[in-house]
């Protein structure tokens, strides 16, 4: 009996260790909404030909990233003016279910298609279309629980390049960046909890934060950063941030009582210190210009895309540390203390996040075409896609 118990305990310990290394990435920018995964033990060293490709798929045009939950991968694409939400088996790429609905491709100076990433929470998956249609589906079956067209039903205006916010499940609400400063709905019924003015908003996803003891949301509007109370949507303060064509697309990056914001079109970036009364500039410069992909803050430094390539900045001063030029408008995340970056031309790079210099560990060409979508590492797999919807799943489990 003692031997049986010892074997059982050993098996349990082994299972716990394996489970602790792999982490689900069930929403845009990950569980902690900061682009950082707690996953460990994955393989950052590859042979010359790159990591093993487990599977590939085609999901249609778009820039939706991936959410990974309970062995399933969720993403979106558009074909023949029809959006499709895909649920794929993580290990094989097999389509478990898909849900389609009419939606124009809406190409405007880029390929078009859905830009939001599905959010998985409490057995449901929430998606948001370019035209403002918010869906709540059963995550296991794909059946529609409810849907609401926020443009047609609430009169909220669609911004120039279409809605791009991912759905944020915050407490007893699901929130998206639409209207002048967001809209919140009941996640189980779709009933409107609060709504801002009808004017078009921006493209970033709301970021939760605490101000003066109150749970709030930082929302990039078309011409400012706005803090609102999560419970009722009341504005706490606003900080002017005007960008050409009203394109504020990168999410705010939170660090304690400070927020980093950045925009393209040669605007630049800034760190703001906020209180319940407002936000004040700590620094502002043009050393990093996030056109749409968001920086990751790691150990006091910002890593992210600029018009000149991948850059590293000191968070406290905005000083530029280095630039890697052959990156374009790519994107990245951090896992196990390493950068997982996908260049605009489809080169996957693992690098040390070192402020002294750009220090790549491994690199491989994994896709062709335009790659603006953030790669996702989850449970030993890296998922990447390009604009036309080619998806690859790469094995970095080390097994």
Protein backbone atom coordinates (compact mmCIF):
# COMPACT_ATOMS: atom_id res chain seq x y z
CA UNK A 1 0.00 0.00 0.00
CA UNK A 2 2.91 2.32 0.84
CA UNK A 3 4.45 1.60 -2.58
CA UNK A 4 1.14 2.30 -4.32
CA UNK A 5 0.77 5.56 -2.40
CA UNK A 6 4.34 6.58 -3.23
CA UNK A 7 3.79 5.91 -6.94
CA UNK A 8 0.53 7.85 -6.90
CA UNK A 9 2.16 10.79 -5.14
CA UNK A 10 5.05 10.75 -7.61
CA UNK A 11 2.63 10.73 -10.55
CA UNK A 12 0.67 13.57 -9.01
CA UNK A 13 3.84 15.61 -8.46
CA UNK A 14 4.96 14.97 -12.03
CA UNK A 15 1.55 16.00 -13.39
CA UNK A 16 1.59 19.16 -11.27
CA UNK A 17 5.07 20.06 -12.49
CA UNK A 18 4.10 19.60 -16.13
CA UNK A 19 0.85 21.51 -15.63
CA UNK A 20 2.63 24.38 -13.93
CA UNK A 21 4.94 24.90 -16.92
CA UNK A 22 2.16 25.26 -19.50
CA UNK A 23 -0.19 28.24 -19.36
CA UNK A 24 -3.43 28.92 -21.23
CA UNK A 25 -3.49 32.25 -23.09
CA UNK A 26 -7.24 32.78 -23.07
CA UNK A 27 -7.49 36.44 -24.07
CA UNK A 28 -5.77 39.29 -25.89
CA UNK A 29 -2.35 40.00 -24.32
CA UNK A 30 -2.73 37.05 -22.00
CA UNK A 31 -4.09 36.26 -18.54
CA UNK A 32 -2.48 39.36 -17.00
CA UNK A 33 -3.28 41.62 -19.99
CA UNK A 34 0.36 42.65 -20.31
CA UNK A 35 1.77 40.45 -23.07
CA UNK A 36 3.70 38.33 -20.53
CA UNK A 37 3.22 34.59 -20.00
CA UNK A 38 4.22 32.68 -16.87
CA UNK A 39 4.90 29.59 -18.99
CA UNK A 40 8.29 27.99 -18.36
CA UNK A 41 10.29 25.06 -19.65
CA UNK A 42 9.69 25.58 -23.36
CA UNK A 43 12.51 25.19 -25.85
CA UNK A 44 14.09 28.43 -27.07
CA UNK A 45 16.94 26.66 -28.92
CA UNK A 46 16.11 25.42 -32.43
CA UNK A 47 17.92 23.59 -35.22
CA UNK A 48 18.87 25.59 -38.30
CA UNK A 49 15.58 24.76 -40.04
CA UNK A 50 13.57 26.15 -37.12
CA UNK A 51 11.08 24.54 -34.73
CA UNK A 52 8.95 21.60 -35.84
CA UNK A 53 5.69 22.61 -37.52
CA UNK A 54 2.86 20.59 -35.99
CA UNK A 55 0.13 21.81 -38.31
CA UNK A 56 -1.01 24.63 -40.56
CA UNK A 57 -4.44 26.00 -41.38
CA UNK A 58 -6.17 28.72 -43.38
CA UNK A 59 -8.66 30.91 -41.52
CA UNK A 60 -9.23 33.81 -43.93
CA UNK A 61 -8.06 37.39 -44.13
CA UNK A 62 -7.59 39.34 -40.92
CA UNK A 63 -5.35 40.21 -38.01
CA UNK A 64 -7.05 38.43 -35.13
CA UNK A 65 -4.55 36.81 -32.76
CA UNK A 66 -5.10 33.58 -30.81
CA UNK A 67 -6.73 32.62 -27.54
CA UNK A 68 -5.87 29.22 -26.10
CA UNK A 69 -8.04 27.52 -23.50
CA UNK A 70 -8.46 23.90 -22.41
CA UNK A 71 -6.77 22.41 -25.46
CA UNK A 72 -8.57 24.66 -27.94
CA UNK A 73 -7.41 27.60 -30.05
CA UNK A 74 -9.76 30.41 -31.09
CA UNK A 75 -9.18 32.95 -33.87
CA UNK A 76 -11.06 34.76 -36.66
CA UNK A 77 -10.84 35.50 -40.37
CA UNK A 78 -12.84 36.70 -43.38
CA UNK A 79 -13.53 35.09 -46.76
CA UNK A 80 -16.08 36.19 -49.36
CA UNK A 81 -17.28 39.03 -47.12
CA UNK A 82 -18.06 36.56 -44.37
CA UNK A 83 -16.40 36.52 -40.96
CA UNK A 84 -15.74 33.14 -39.37
CA UNK A 85 -14.88 32.40 -35.76
CA UNK A 86 -12.77 29.22 -35.59
CA UNK A 87 -12.29 26.80 -32.72
CA UNK A 88 -9.36 24.48 -33.49
CA UNK A 89 -7.87 21.58 -31.61
CA UNK A 90 -4.60 22.92 -30.20
CA UNK A 91 -2.47 19.88 -30.95
CA UNK A 92 -3.73 19.04 -34.44
CA UNK A 93 -5.43 22.10 -35.95
CA UNK A 94 -8.62 20.13 -36.49
CA UNK A 95 -11.66 22.40 -36.77
CA UNK A 96 -13.88 21.58 -33.80
CA UNK A 97 -16.48 24.18 -34.71
CA UNK A 98 -16.85 27.39 -36.65
CA UNK A 99 -19.42 30.15 -36.70
CA UNK A 100 -19.87 32.47 -39.69
CA UNK A 101 -21.83 35.65 -40.27
CA UNK A 102 -21.98 38.26 -43.07
CA UNK A 103 -19.42 41.05 -42.71
CA UNK A 104 -17.67 43.06 -45.43
CA UNK A 105 -13.91 42.60 -45.75
CA UNK A 106 -13.66 46.40 -45.51
CA UNK A 107 -10.11 46.78 -46.82
CA UNK A 108 -8.90 50.37 -46.28
CA UNK A 109 -5.18 50.79 -47.03
CA UNK A 110 -4.66 47.30 -45.66
CA UNK A 111 -6.15 43.86 -46.25
CA UNK A 112 -9.16 44.21 -43.93
CA UNK A 113 -10.89 41.45 -42.01
CA UNK A 114 -11.38 41.07 -38.25
CA UNK A 115 -8.78 42.69 -36.02
CA UNK A 116 -10.08 41.69 -32.56
CA UNK A 117 -9.01 38.52 -30.74
CA UNK A 118 -11.56 36.15 -29.16
CA UNK A 119 -11.84 36.19 -25.36
CA UNK A 120 -12.60 32.96 -23.48
CA UNK A 121 -14.22 33.19 -20.03
CA UNK A 122 -16.56 31.01 -17.97
CA UNK A 123 -17.28 28.58 -20.78
CA UNK A 124 -18.09 31.32 -23.26
CA UNK A 125 -16.15 33.00 -26.06
CA UNK A 126 -16.66 36.68 -26.94
CA UNK A 127 -15.76 38.15 -30.32
CA UNK A 128 -16.10 41.61 -31.87
CA UNK A 129 -16.41 42.37 -35.58
CA UNK A 130 -15.13 45.32 -37.63
CA UNK A 131 -18.74 46.50 -37.93
CA UNK A 132 -19.48 46.46 -34.21
CA UNK A 133 -21.20 43.10 -33.78
CA UNK A 134 -20.44 41.54 -30.41
CA UNK A 135 -20.98 37.78 -30.13
CA UNK A 136 -21.18 35.52 -27.09
CA UNK A 137 -20.86 31.84 -28.01
CA UNK A 138 -20.64 28.56 -26.15
CA UNK A 139 -16.89 27.87 -26.07
CA UNK A 140 -17.34 24.11 -26.38
CA UNK A 141 -20.08 23.96 -29.01
CA UNK A 142 -19.92 27.26 -30.90
CA UNK A 143 -23.64 27.90 -30.53
CA UNK A 144 -24.66 31.56 -30.18
CA UNK A 145 -25.77 32.51 -26.67
CA UNK A 146 -26.42 36.12 -27.66
CA UNK A 147 -25.25 38.76 -30.11
CA UNK A 148 -25.66 42.52 -30.31
CA UNK A 149 -24.82 44.91 -33.14
CA UNK A 150 -23.67 47.99 -31.24
CA UNK A 151 -23.83 50.18 -34.33
CA UNK A 152 -27.36 49.26 -35.38
CA UNK A 153 -28.89 48.70 -31.95
CA UNK A 154 -27.19 51.47 -29.94
CA UNK A 155 -26.21 53.90 -32.69
CA UNK A 156 -22.51 53.83 -31.76
CA UNK A 157 -20.43 55.08 -34.67
CA UNK A 158 -17.82 52.87 -36.31
CA UNK A 159 -14.31 54.38 -36.55
CA UNK A 160 -12.65 54.84 -39.94
CA UNK A 161 -10.79 51.53 -40.00
CA UNK A 162 -13.48 49.50 -38.25
CA UNK A 163 -13.73 48.25 -34.69
CA UNK A 164 -10.57 46.52 -33.43
CA UNK A 165 -11.01 46.25 -29.65
CA UNK A 166 -10.97 42.78 -28.16
CA UNK A 167 -13.66 42.07 -25.58
CA UNK A 168 -12.53 42.57 -21.97
CA UNK A 169 -14.39 40.52 -19.37
CA UNK A 170 -14.16 42.66 -16.24
CA UNK A 171 -16.09 41.48 -13.20
CA UNK A 172 -19.74 41.11 -14.14
CA UNK A 173 -19.33 42.95 -17.46
CA UNK A 174 -17.90 42.50 -20.92
CA UNK A 175 -16.44 45.77 -22.24
CA UNK A 176 -15.31 46.87 -25.70
CA UNK A 177 -13.86 50.13 -26.99
CA UNK A 178 -16.75 51.55 -29.02
CA UNK A 179 -18.49 54.87 -28.68
CA UNK A 180 -16.57 57.82 -27.28
CA UNK A 181 -15.29 55.89 -24.22
CA UNK A 182 -16.48 52.30 -24.25
CA UNK A 183 -19.62 50.25 -23.72
CA UNK A 184 -20.29 47.53 -21.13
CA UNK A 185 -22.76 44.65 -21.36
CA UNK A 186 -23.87 41.82 -19.12
CA UNK A 187 -21.79 38.80 -20.22
CA UNK A 188 -24.59 36.27 -19.77
CA UNK A 189 -27.46 38.14 -21.43
CA UNK A 190 -25.94 40.92 -23.56
CA UNK A 191 -28.01 43.54 -21.73
CA UNK A 192 -26.38 47.00 -21.80
CA UNK A 193 -24.90 47.97 -18.41
CA UNK A 194 -23.56 51.38 -19.47
CA UNK A 195 -22.69 53.13 -22.70
CA UNK A 196 -20.68 56.25 -23.59
CA UNK A 197 -21.56 58.84 -26.22
CA UNK A 198 -22.16 57.71 -29.81
CA UNK A 199 -19.09 59.39 -31.35
CA UNK A 200 -16.51 56.98 -32.85
CA UNK A 201 -13.80 55.75 -30.50
CA UNK A 202 -10.35 54.35 -31.19
CA UNK A 203 -8.92 50.88 -31.78
CA UNK A 204 -7.20 49.79 -28.56
CA UNK A 205 -8.60 47.36 -26.00
CA UNK A 206 -9.59 48.78 -22.56
CA UNK A 207 -7.10 48.16 -19.75
CA UNK A 208 -8.29 47.72 -16.13
CA UNK A 209 -6.58 49.64 -13.34
CA UNK A 210 -7.28 50.99 -9.86
CA UNK A 211 -7.58 54.73 -9.22
CA UNK A 212 -8.18 56.00 -5.70
CA UNK A 213 -9.47 52.61 -4.61
CA UNK A 214 -11.97 52.38 -7.49
CA UNK A 215 -11.79 49.80 -10.24
CA UNK A 216 -11.44 51.76 -13.49
CA UNK A 217 -10.68 51.31 -17.17
CA UNK A 218 -8.08 53.13 -19.26
CA UNK A 219 -9.54 53.58 -22.75
CA UNK A 220 -7.81 55.14 -25.75
CA UNK A 221 -10.34 57.35 -27.50
CA UNK A 222 -9.86 58.94 -30.90
CA UNK A 223 -8.11 61.99 -29.41
CA UNK A 224 -7.32 61.20 -25.78
CA UNK A 225 -6.69 58.66 -23.05
CA UNK A 226 -9.79 58.44 -20.86
CA UNK A 227 -10.14 56.84 -17.44
CA UNK A 228 -13.67 55.73 -16.55
CA UNK A 229 -15.13 53.92 -13.58
CA UNK A 230 -15.69 50.28 -14.45
CA UNK A 231 -18.98 50.04 -12.56
CA UNK A 232 -20.85 52.83 -14.33
CA UNK A 233 -18.63 54.23 -17.07
CA UNK A 234 -18.38 57.69 -15.46
CA UNK A 235 -15.31 59.62 -16.60
CA UNK A 236 -12.62 60.07 -13.94
CA UNK A 237 -10.21 62.10 -16.08
CA UNK A 238 -9.05 62.62 -19.66
CA UNK A 239 -5.56 63.24 -21.08
CA UNK A 240 -5.32 64.76 -24.57
CA UNK A 241 -3.53 62.52 -27.10
CA UNK A 242 -4.22 63.62 -30.66
CA UNK A 243 -2.82 61.51 -33.50
CA UNK A 244 -3.14 61.85 -37.26
CA UNK A 245 -6.32 60.23 -38.58
CA UNK A 246 -7.44 59.63 -34.96
CA UNK A 247 -5.48 56.37 -34.87
CA UNK A 248 -4.82 55.43 -31.25
CA UNK A 249 -4.53 51.67 -31.62
CA UNK A 250 -1.90 50.40 -29.16
CA UNK A 251 -3.13 49.53 -25.66
CA UNK A 252 -1.99 51.53 -22.62
CA UNK A 253 0.74 49.71 -20.66
CA UNK A 254 0.22 49.81 -16.89
CA UNK A 255 2.92 49.90 -14.22
CA UNK A 256 1.64 50.82 -10.74
CA UNK A 257 0.45 54.42 -10.89
CA UNK A 258 1.95 55.01 -14.33
CA UNK A 259 0.70 54.37 -17.87
CA UNK A 260 2.69 54.24 -21.09
CA UNK A 261 0.83 55.26 -24.24
CA UNK A 262 2.10 55.40 -27.81
CA UNK A 263 0.84 56.06 -31.34
CA UNK A 264 2.22 56.06 -34.87
CA UNK A 265 2.21 58.69 -37.61
CA UNK A 266 5.34 60.15 -35.96
CA UNK A 267 3.48 60.95 -32.75
CA UNK A 268 5.61 58.96 -30.28
CA UNK A 269 5.15 57.73 -26.75
CA UNK A 270 4.74 59.01 -23.22
CA UNK A 271 4.69 57.80 -19.63
CA UNK A 272 1.98 59.39 -17.49
CA UNK A 273 1.62 59.35 -13.71
CA UNK A 274 -2.03 59.32 -12.66
CA UNK A 275 -4.12 59.99 -9.58
CA UNK A 276 -7.85 60.38 -9.03
CA UNK A 277 -7.58 63.98 -10.21
CA UNK A 278 -5.84 63.40 -13.53
CA UNK A 279 -2.69 62.30 -15.34
CA UNK A 280 0.60 64.20 -15.64
CA UNK A 281 3.38 63.68 -18.16
CA UNK A 282 6.59 62.10 -16.85
CA UNK A 283 8.23 62.12 -20.27
CA UNK A 284 7.25 62.24 -23.94
CA UNK A 285 9.36 61.70 -27.06
CA UNK A 286 9.40 60.07 -30.49
CA UNK A 287 11.74 57.20 -29.58
CA UNK A 288 8.98 54.67 -30.01
CA UNK A 289 5.89 54.99 -32.18
CA UNK A 290 3.47 52.07 -31.82
CA UNK A 291 1.33 52.23 -34.94
CA UNK A 292 -0.98 49.46 -33.70
CA UNK A 293 1.00 46.75 -31.90
CA UNK A 294 1.61 47.30 -28.19
CA UNK A 295 4.88 47.31 -26.26
CA UNK A 296 5.68 44.84 -23.50
CA UNK A 297 7.17 46.16 -20.25
CA UNK A 298 9.82 43.85 -18.82
CA UNK A 299 12.15 44.64 -15.91
CA UNK A 300 11.97 48.40 -16.32
CA UNK A 301 12.24 48.49 -20.12
CA UNK A 302 9.74 48.72 -22.95
CA UNK A 303 10.16 46.41 -25.95
CA UNK A 304 8.04 47.04 -29.01
CA UNK A 305 7.68 48.05 -32.65
CA UNK A 306 8.57 51.50 -33.96
CA UNK A 307 8.44 52.70 -37.55
CA UNK A 308 12.21 52.01 -37.58
CA UNK A 309 11.95 48.44 -36.25
CA UNK A 310 11.95 46.67 -32.90
CA UNK A 311 13.13 48.97 -30.11
CA UNK A 312 14.04 48.96 -26.43
CA UNK A 313 13.39 52.01 -24.23
CA UNK A 314 13.91 52.75 -20.56
CA UNK A 315 10.46 53.03 -19.00
CA UNK A 316 11.41 55.69 -16.45
CA UNK A 317 13.18 58.08 -18.86
CA UNK A 318 12.19 57.13 -22.42
CA UNK A 319 15.86 56.81 -23.40
CA UNK A 320 16.42 54.66 -26.48
CA UNK A 321 18.63 51.64 -25.82
CA UNK A 322 18.72 49.88 -29.19
CA UNK A 323 16.93 49.31 -32.51
CA UNK A 324 16.68 46.13 -34.57
CA UNK A 325 15.78 47.41 -38.01
CA UNK A 326 14.74 44.24 -39.87
CA UNK A 327 11.47 43.90 -37.96
CA UNK A 328 8.96 46.25 -39.56
CA UNK A 329 5.56 46.57 -37.87
CA UNK A 330 5.88 43.21 -36.17
CA UNK A 331 4.73 42.17 -32.70
CA UNK A 332 5.89 40.31 -29.63
CA UNK A 333 5.18 38.81 -26.23
CA UNK A 334 7.38 37.65 -23.34
CA UNK A 335 7.53 34.13 -21.89
CA UNK A 336 9.98 32.69 -19.36
CA UNK A 337 11.98 35.91 -19.52
CA UNK A 338 12.45 35.81 -23.30
CA UNK A 339 11.06 37.86 -26.16
CA UNK A 340 8.89 35.88 -28.58
CA UNK A 341 8.76 38.19 -31.60
CA UNK A 342 7.32 37.85 -35.11
CA UNK A 343 8.62 40.29 -37.71
CA UNK A 344 6.42 41.87 -40.34
CA UNK A 345 7.93 39.50 -42.93
CA UNK A 346 7.32 36.32 -40.93
CA UNK A 347 10.61 35.75 -39.12
CA UNK A 348 10.06 34.28 -35.65
CA UNK A 349 12.75 35.42 -33.23
CA UNK A 350 13.49 34.37 -29.66
CA UNK A 351 15.69 36.94 -27.93
CA UNK A 352 16.99 37.92 -24.53
CA UNK A 353 15.23 41.10 -23.32
CA UNK A 354 18.53 42.84 -22.65
CA UNK A 355 18.67 46.66 -22.60
CA UNK A 356 22.37 46.70 -23.53
CA UNK A 357 21.85 45.22 -27.01
CA UNK A 358 19.54 43.14 -29.20
CA UNK A 359 20.47 39.52 -28.33
CA UNK A 360 18.69 36.92 -30.50
CA UNK A 361 18.80 33.29 -29.32
CA UNK A 362 17.01 31.57 -32.21
CA UNK A 363 15.30 32.67 -35.41
CA UNK A 364 13.44 31.06 -38.28
CA UNK A 365 11.33 32.12 -41.25
CA UNK A 366 7.93 30.60 -40.44
CA UNK A 367 5.54 32.56 -42.69
CA UNK A 368 5.49 34.66 -45.84
CA UNK A 369 3.39 37.74 -46.54
CA UNK A 370 2.46 40.46 -44.08
CA UNK A 371 2.60 39.48 -40.40
CA UNK A 372 1.15 42.13 -38.09
CA UNK A 373 -0.52 39.74 -35.64
CA UNK A 374 0.96 38.99 -32.22
CA UNK A 375 2.35 35.44 -31.91
CA UNK A 376 1.13 33.39 -28.97
CA UNK A 377 3.09 30.83 -26.96
CA UNK A 378 0.90 28.51 -24.91
CA UNK A 379 1.43 24.98 -23.59
CA UNK A 380 4.59 24.41 -25.58
CA UNK A 381 3.19 25.63 -28.90
CA UNK A 382 3.76 28.92 -30.74
CA UNK A 383 0.89 30.07 -32.98
CA UNK A 384 1.58 32.57 -35.79
CA UNK A 385 -0.46 33.94 -38.69
CA UNK A 386 -0.23 36.33 -41.62
CA UNK A 387 -2.73 38.77 -43.09
CA UNK A 388 -4.24 36.34 -45.60
CA UNK A 389 -4.95 33.87 -42.80
CA UNK A 390 -2.17 31.26 -43.04
CA UNK A 391 -1.75 29.85 -39.52
CA UNK A 392 1.17 27.72 -38.31
CA UNK A 393 1.52 25.89 -35.02
CA UNK A 394 5.13 25.26 -33.95
CA UNK A 395 6.32 22.78 -31.35
CA UNK A 396 8.65 24.30 -28.73
CA UNK A 397 7.67 21.91 -25.95
CA UNK A 398 11.16 20.44 -25.77
CA UNK A 399 9.73 16.93 -25.79
